[in-house]
Structures are given as structure tokens and as C-alpha cells.
Amino acid sequence: MKCKVRDCSRKTKSLMDSLCSVHYKRWRQHGMVFADIPIGSCNHGLSLIVRRKILQAKPGYKYCQHCKRYKKAEKFYEIKLCMCKLCYKDAELKRRHGINNKIYNQLLKKQKGKCALCGTKDTGSKNNFFDVDHNHQTNKIRGLLCTVCNTAVGKIEKRKISIIRLTKYLKR
């Protein structure tokens, strides 16, 4: 049998059940199935209060679990339903480089909003943020680079190509 929740195409566990396993777990935990919250979004283990806030968002708005605010839907990535773009960026910076948005913005201000290597204001990435360039051995941050420069530096560093050799090659 098919789950009785609207827009759910999952099969039920047995002929006696009317809910699929995901909606059944939601019902057992909270007494509600929360059909309006998509399965697979960042809602596993959420409190009842947060689930209600997600459901209470006005049309065109979403609730960010991280900063606990309602924001316009375009401030969220499509695949990351639980965090706004700014909070997601902050979490990624912490996870990857041990810094936060404040330090990132200080670096960007120091570089006058440009790539530290080529000086362009175009980040070259779809999320419109510069890449954090760092030494892979020491994890020390060198600066913010556009995607093109960061890729080039990474490849040169990985292959241990000397700058002198590279300069000679380009002059040919």
C-alpha cells in the first residue's frame, strides 16, 4: 500500500499500516507527520518548536535554523533547506579553515574586495565568494583568491613546479 500522506509515494511497512516508515517515525516522535516538510531536508532530529517555525513561514520565506530568523527564500540554497546562504558559508568556513565570516570579511576588506593574485573583483564561482587559499601542510591562510587563481596555485603547488620554471616556460 501507498503512504496516506499527501505527495508521498513511499510504500507502507505492512497492509495494516497507513504510513511509510519515515512518516510513521515522525508521528511516533511528535504526534504529527509534518507532511509539509520534505523528507530528506535538514529536519531529522528537529525539535517540535523548530518544525512548527518551518511550517509557519510566510509564502516566499524560509526559517534558518542556524540564525533562527525568517528570511526570503532566495537567501537559501535549493539543496540546503535548513540554513541560509550566509550561515552555510559561515559553517563551511569553520569546518574547512577554522575561521568565520568576520575574519573572511576582514581579509576581503584588506584585499579591497579583489583577488589577492590577479586583482579581479569577479570571484569566478556561482556562489559569489572568493576561495580561501591556504598552505595544505600548515593550514595557514594566505589570502582570498578567485576560482581561476586558486585552481592554478593549487595545481602548481601540488606538482611542485617552480616559479622560475613556470616563468621561463611562459616567456617562450
C-alpha atoms as a PDB file:
ATOM      1  CA  MET A   1       0.000   0.000   0.000  1.00  0.00           C
ATOM      2  CA  LYS A   2       0.961   3.624  -0.555  1.00  0.00           C
ATOM      3  CA  CYS A   3       1.526   6.078   2.327  1.00  0.00           C
ATOM      4  CA  LYS A   4      -1.590   8.140   3.105  1.00  0.00           C
ATOM      5  CA  VAL A   5       0.386  11.411   3.409  1.00  0.00           C
ATOM      6  CA  ARG A   6      -0.196  13.797   0.503  1.00  0.00           C
ATOM      7  CA  ASP A   7       2.589  13.737  -2.158  1.00  0.00           C
ATOM      8  CA  CYS A   8       4.371  10.778  -0.517  1.00  0.00           C
ATOM      9  CA  SER A   9       4.861   7.861  -2.887  1.00  0.00           C
ATOM     10  CA  ARG A  10       6.629   5.549  -0.416  1.00  0.00           C
ATOM     11  CA  LYS A  11       5.195   2.160   0.397  1.00  0.00           C
ATOM     12  CA  THR A  12       3.843   1.335   3.836  1.00  0.00           C
ATOM     13  CA  LYS A  13       5.509  -1.261   6.041  1.00  0.00           C
ATOM     14  CA  SER A  14       2.544  -3.656   6.043  1.00  0.00           C
ATOM     15  CA  LEU A  15      -1.057  -3.903   4.911  1.00  0.00           C
ATOM     16  CA  MET A  16      -2.205  -2.746   8.370  1.00  0.00           C
ATOM     17  CA  ASP A  17      -0.137   0.473   8.261  1.00  0.00           C
ATOM     18  CA  SER A  18      -1.201   3.647   6.534  1.00  0.00           C
ATOM     19  CA  LEU A  19       2.150   5.481   6.854  1.00  0.00           C
ATOM     20  CA  CYS A  20       5.572   4.845   5.360  1.00  0.00           C
ATOM     21  CA  SER A  21       8.460   4.320   7.797  1.00  0.00           C
ATOM     22  CA  VAL A  22       9.603   7.991   7.695  1.00  0.00           C
ATOM     23  CA  HIS A  23       6.162   9.460   8.377  1.00  0.00           C
ATOM     24  CA  TYR A  24       5.467   6.756  10.976  1.00  0.00           C
ATOM     25  CA  LYS A  25       8.650   7.776  12.886  1.00  0.00           C
ATOM     26  CA  ARG A  26       7.582  11.421  12.749  1.00  0.00           C
ATOM     27  CA  TRP A  27       4.129  10.502  14.061  1.00  0.00           C
ATOM     28  CA  ARG A  28       5.596   8.367  16.905  1.00  0.00           C
ATOM     29  CA  GLN A  29       8.068  11.081  17.981  1.00  0.00           C
ATOM     30  CA  HIS A  30       5.882  14.174  17.676  1.00  0.00           C
ATOM     31  CA  GLY A  31       2.283  13.029  17.251  1.00  0.00           C
ATOM     32  CA  MET A  32       2.266  14.666  13.787  1.00  0.00           C
ATOM     33  CA  VAL A  33       3.608  13.563  10.420  1.00  0.00           C
ATOM     34  CA  PHE A  34       4.753  17.044   9.274  1.00  0.00           C
ATOM     35  CA  ALA A  35       3.770  16.293   5.698  1.00  0.00           C
ATOM     36  CA  ASP A  36       4.665  19.822   4.573  1.00  0.00           C
ATOM     37  CA  ILE A  37       8.341  19.392   5.488  1.00  0.00           C
ATOM     38  CA  PRO A  38      10.059  17.464   2.671  1.00  0.00           C
ATOM     39  CA  ILE A  39      11.690  14.152   3.528  1.00  0.00           C
ATOM     40  CA  GLY A  40      15.452  14.423   3.190  1.00  0.00           C
ATOM     41  CA  SER A  41      15.634  18.097   4.143  1.00  0.00           C
ATOM     42  CA  CYS A  42      17.598  19.065   7.232  1.00  0.00           C
ATOM     43  CA  ASN A  43      14.767  18.088   9.544  1.00  0.00           C
ATOM     44  CA  HIS A  44      15.999  14.898  11.143  1.00  0.00           C
ATOM     45  CA  GLY A  45      16.144  15.264  14.922  1.00  0.00           C
ATOM     46  CA  LEU A  46      14.485  18.686  14.971  1.00  0.00           C
ATOM     47  CA  SER A  47      12.530  19.819  17.963  1.00  0.00           C
ATOM     48  CA  LEU A  48       8.801  20.316  17.679  1.00  0.00           C
ATOM     49  CA  ILE A  49       9.297  24.099  18.050  1.00  0.00           C
ATOM     50  CA  VAL A  50      11.673  24.295  15.051  1.00  0.00           C
ATOM     51  CA  ARG A  51       9.396  22.113  12.928  1.00  0.00           C
ATOM     52  CA  ARG A  52       6.480  24.433  13.680  1.00  0.00           C
ATOM     53  CA  LYS A  53       8.574  27.502  12.808  1.00  0.00           C
ATOM     54  CA  ILE A  54       9.467  25.910   9.457  1.00  0.00           C
ATOM     55  CA  LEU A  55       5.783  25.301   8.767  1.00  0.00           C
ATOM     56  CA  GLN A  56       4.736  28.797   9.902  1.00  0.00           C
ATOM     57  CA  ALA A  57       6.971  30.612   7.394  1.00  0.00           C
ATOM     58  CA  LYS A  58       5.102  33.039   5.152  1.00  0.00           C
ATOM     59  CA  PRO A  59       4.985  32.275   1.408  1.00  0.00           C
ATOM     60  CA  GLY A  60       8.341  33.166  -0.170  1.00  0.00           C
ATOM     61  CA  TYR A  61      10.161  32.906   3.177  1.00  0.00           C
ATOM     62  CA  LYS A  62      12.052  30.135   4.972  1.00  0.00           C
ATOM     63  CA  TYR A  63      13.254  29.647   8.529  1.00  0.00           C
ATOM     64  CA  CYS A  64      17.011  29.406   9.134  1.00  0.00           C
ATOM     65  CA  GLN A  65      17.743  27.010  11.985  1.00  0.00           C
ATOM     66  CA  HIS A  66      21.200  28.457  12.498  1.00  0.00           C
ATOM     67  CA  CYS A  67      20.479  32.186  12.921  1.00  0.00           C
ATOM     68  CA  LYS A  68      16.856  31.484  13.963  1.00  0.00           C
ATOM     69  CA  ARG A  69      15.332  34.035  11.580  1.00  0.00           C
ATOM     70  CA  TYR A  70      12.833  34.061   8.765  1.00  0.00           C
ATOM     71  CA  LYS A  71      14.477  35.138   5.503  1.00  0.00           C
ATOM     72  CA  LYS A  72      13.442  35.369   1.864  1.00  0.00           C
ATOM     73  CA  ALA A  73      13.629  32.046   0.026  1.00  0.00           C
ATOM     74  CA  GLU A  74      16.284  33.340  -2.406  1.00  0.00           C
ATOM     75  CA  LYS A  75      18.652  33.702   0.579  1.00  0.00           C
ATOM     76  CA  PHE A  76      18.739  29.876   0.784  1.00  0.00           C
ATOM     77  CA  TYR A  77      20.417  27.306  -1.463  1.00  0.00           C
ATOM     78  CA  GLU A  78      17.930  24.927  -3.047  1.00  0.00           C
ATOM     79  CA  ILE A  79      19.548  21.805  -1.600  1.00  0.00           C
ATOM     80  CA  LYS A  80      20.262  23.252   1.850  1.00  0.00           C
ATOM     81  CA  LEU A  81      16.789  23.935   3.212  1.00  0.00           C
ATOM     82  CA  CYS A  82      17.793  24.376   6.852  1.00  0.00           C
ATOM     83  CA  MET A  83      20.409  27.178   6.645  1.00  0.00           C
ATOM     84  CA  CYS A  84      20.525  30.476   4.811  1.00  0.00           C
ATOM     85  CA  LYS A  85      23.462  31.089   2.453  1.00  0.00           C
ATOM     86  CA  LEU A  86      25.279  33.273   4.974  1.00  0.00           C
ATOM     87  CA  CYS A  87      25.032  30.728   7.805  1.00  0.00           C
ATOM     88  CA  TYR A  88      26.012  27.910   5.443  1.00  0.00           C
ATOM     89  CA  LYS A  89      29.081  29.901   4.338  1.00  0.00           C
ATOM     90  CA  ASP A  90      29.994  30.522   7.979  1.00  0.00           C
ATOM     91  CA  ALA A  91      29.649  26.811   8.836  1.00  0.00           C
ATOM     92  CA  GLU A  92      31.766  25.799   5.807  1.00  0.00           C
ATOM     93  CA  LEU A  93      34.497  28.338   6.674  1.00  0.00           C
ATOM     94  CA  LYS A  94      34.623  26.968  10.225  1.00  0.00           C
ATOM     95  CA  ARG A  95      34.687  23.362   9.043  1.00  0.00           C
ATOM     96  CA  ARG A  96      37.308  23.810   6.330  1.00  0.00           C
ATOM     97  CA  HIS A  97      39.568  26.591   7.591  1.00  0.00           C
ATOM     98  CA  GLY A  98      38.712  27.303  11.241  1.00  0.00           C
ATOM     99  CA  ILE A  99      37.617  30.895  10.523  1.00  0.00           C
ATOM    100  CA  ASN A 100      34.270  32.673  10.458  1.00  0.00           C
ATOM    101  CA  ASN A 101      32.542  35.283   8.277  1.00  0.00           C
ATOM    102  CA  LYS A 102      34.070  38.114  10.309  1.00  0.00           C
ATOM    103  CA  ILE A 103      37.656  37.007   9.557  1.00  0.00           C
ATOM    104  CA  TYR A 104      36.725  36.311   5.920  1.00  0.00           C
ATOM    105  CA  ASN A 105      35.293  39.832   5.578  1.00  0.00           C
ATOM    106  CA  GLN A 106      38.410  41.334   7.222  1.00  0.00           C
ATOM    107  CA  LEU A 107      40.597  39.536   4.658  1.00  0.00           C
ATOM    108  CA  LEU A 108      38.324  40.730   1.854  1.00  0.00           C
ATOM    109  CA  LYS A 109      38.461  44.322   3.122  1.00  0.00           C
ATOM    110  CA  LYS A 110      42.273  44.129   3.405  1.00  0.00           C
ATOM    111  CA  GLN A 111      42.385  42.963  -0.239  1.00  0.00           C
ATOM    112  CA  LYS A 112      39.930  45.755  -1.239  1.00  0.00           C
ATOM    113  CA  GLY A 113      37.358  43.215  -2.436  1.00  0.00           C
ATOM    114  CA  LYS A 114      39.727  41.779  -5.057  1.00  0.00           C
ATOM    115  CA  CYS A 115      41.580  38.544  -5.721  1.00  0.00           C
ATOM    116  CA  ALA A 116      44.940  38.648  -3.912  1.00  0.00           C
ATOM    117  CA  LEU A 117      46.740  37.342  -7.021  1.00  0.00           C
ATOM    118  CA  CYS A 118      45.188  38.777 -10.192  1.00  0.00           C
ATOM    119  CA  GLY A 119      43.217  41.686  -8.683  1.00  0.00           C
ATOM    120  CA  THR A 120      39.859  40.877 -10.264  1.00  0.00           C
ATOM    121  CA  LYS A 121      36.593  41.554  -8.434  1.00  0.00           C
ATOM    122  CA  ASP A 122      34.972  38.586 -10.207  1.00  0.00           C
ATOM    123  CA  THR A 123      35.067  35.563  -7.899  1.00  0.00           C
ATOM    124  CA  GLY A 124      34.583  33.126 -10.765  1.00  0.00           C
ATOM    125  CA  SER A 125      32.234  30.996  -8.693  1.00  0.00           C
ATOM    126  CA  LYS A 126      28.469  30.643  -8.737  1.00  0.00           C
ATOM    127  CA  ASN A 127      28.129  31.401  -5.008  1.00  0.00           C
ATOM    128  CA  ASN A 128      29.957  34.744  -5.496  1.00  0.00           C
ATOM    129  CA  PHE A 129      32.539  34.133  -2.725  1.00  0.00           C
ATOM    130  CA  PHE A 130      36.303  34.122  -3.085  1.00  0.00           C
ATOM    131  CA  ASP A 131      38.151  30.889  -2.301  1.00  0.00           C
ATOM    132  CA  VAL A 132      40.271  30.763   0.850  1.00  0.00           C
ATOM    133  CA  ASP A 133      43.821  29.966  -0.267  1.00  0.00           C
ATOM    134  CA  HIS A 134      45.864  28.116   2.333  1.00  0.00           C
ATOM    135  CA  ASN A 135      49.005  26.052   2.693  1.00  0.00           C
ATOM    136  CA  HIS A 136      47.954  22.406   2.765  1.00  0.00           C
ATOM    137  CA  GLN A 137      50.824  21.385   5.060  1.00  0.00           C
ATOM    138  CA  THR A 138      50.442  24.109   7.712  1.00  0.00           C
ATOM    139  CA  ASN A 139      46.814  25.133   7.024  1.00  0.00           C
ATOM    140  CA  LYS A 140      47.954  28.775   7.255  1.00  0.00           C
ATOM    141  CA  ILE A 141      45.688  31.084   5.256  1.00  0.00           C
ATOM    142  CA  ARG A 142      47.484  33.069   2.552  1.00  0.00           C
ATOM    143  CA  GLY A 143      44.567  35.095   1.234  1.00  0.00           C
ATOM    144  CA  LEU A 144      41.381  35.053  -0.833  1.00  0.00           C
ATOM    145  CA  LEU A 145      41.637  34.120  -4.497  1.00  0.00           C
ATOM    146  CA  CYS A 146      39.251  33.901  -7.427  1.00  0.00           C
ATOM    147  CA  THR A 147      38.472  30.364  -8.510  1.00  0.00           C
ATOM    148  CA  VAL A 148      40.809  30.535 -11.536  1.00  0.00           C
ATOM    149  CA  CYS A 149      43.834  31.674  -9.488  1.00  0.00           C
ATOM    150  CA  ASN A 150      43.097  29.260  -6.648  1.00  0.00           C
ATOM    151  CA  THR A 151      42.928  26.349  -9.084  1.00  0.00           C
ATOM    152  CA  ALA A 152      46.176  27.400 -10.767  1.00  0.00           C
ATOM    153  CA  VAL A 153      48.043  27.881  -7.468  1.00  0.00           C
ATOM    154  CA  GLY A 154      46.757  24.552  -6.195  1.00  0.00           C
ATOM    155  CA  LYS A 155      47.915  22.673  -9.277  1.00  0.00           C
ATOM    156  CA  ILE A 156      51.335  24.347  -9.281  1.00  0.00           C
ATOM    157  CA  GLU A 157      51.780  23.685  -5.565  1.00  0.00           C
ATOM    158  CA  LYS A 158      50.654  20.058  -5.901  1.00  0.00           C
ATOM    159  CA  ARG A 159      53.097  19.294  -8.713  1.00  0.00           C
ATOM    160  CA  LYS A 160      55.864  21.342  -7.067  1.00  0.00           C
ATOM    161  CA  ILE A 161      56.550  23.338 -10.233  1.00  0.00           C
ATOM    162  CA  SER A 162      58.999  26.147  -9.506  1.00  0.00           C
ATOM    163  CA  ILE A 163      58.021  29.734 -10.330  1.00  0.00           C
ATOM    164  CA  ILE A 164      61.299  30.185 -12.239  1.00  0.00           C
ATOM    165  CA  ARG A 165      60.485  27.197 -14.462  1.00  0.00           C
ATOM    166  CA  LEU A 166      56.951  28.469 -14.973  1.00  0.00           C
ATOM    167  CA  THR A 167      58.157  31.976 -15.860  1.00  0.00           C
ATOM    168  CA  LYS A 168      60.717  30.598 -18.362  1.00  0.00           C
ATOM    169  CA  TYR A 169      58.009  28.477 -19.981  1.00  0.00           C
ATOM    170  CA  LEU A 170      55.598  31.409 -20.313  1.00  0.00           C
ATOM    171  CA  LYS A 171      58.310  33.691 -21.810  1.00  0.00           C
ATOM    172  CA  ARG A 172      58.978  31.190 -24.632  1.00  0.00           C
END
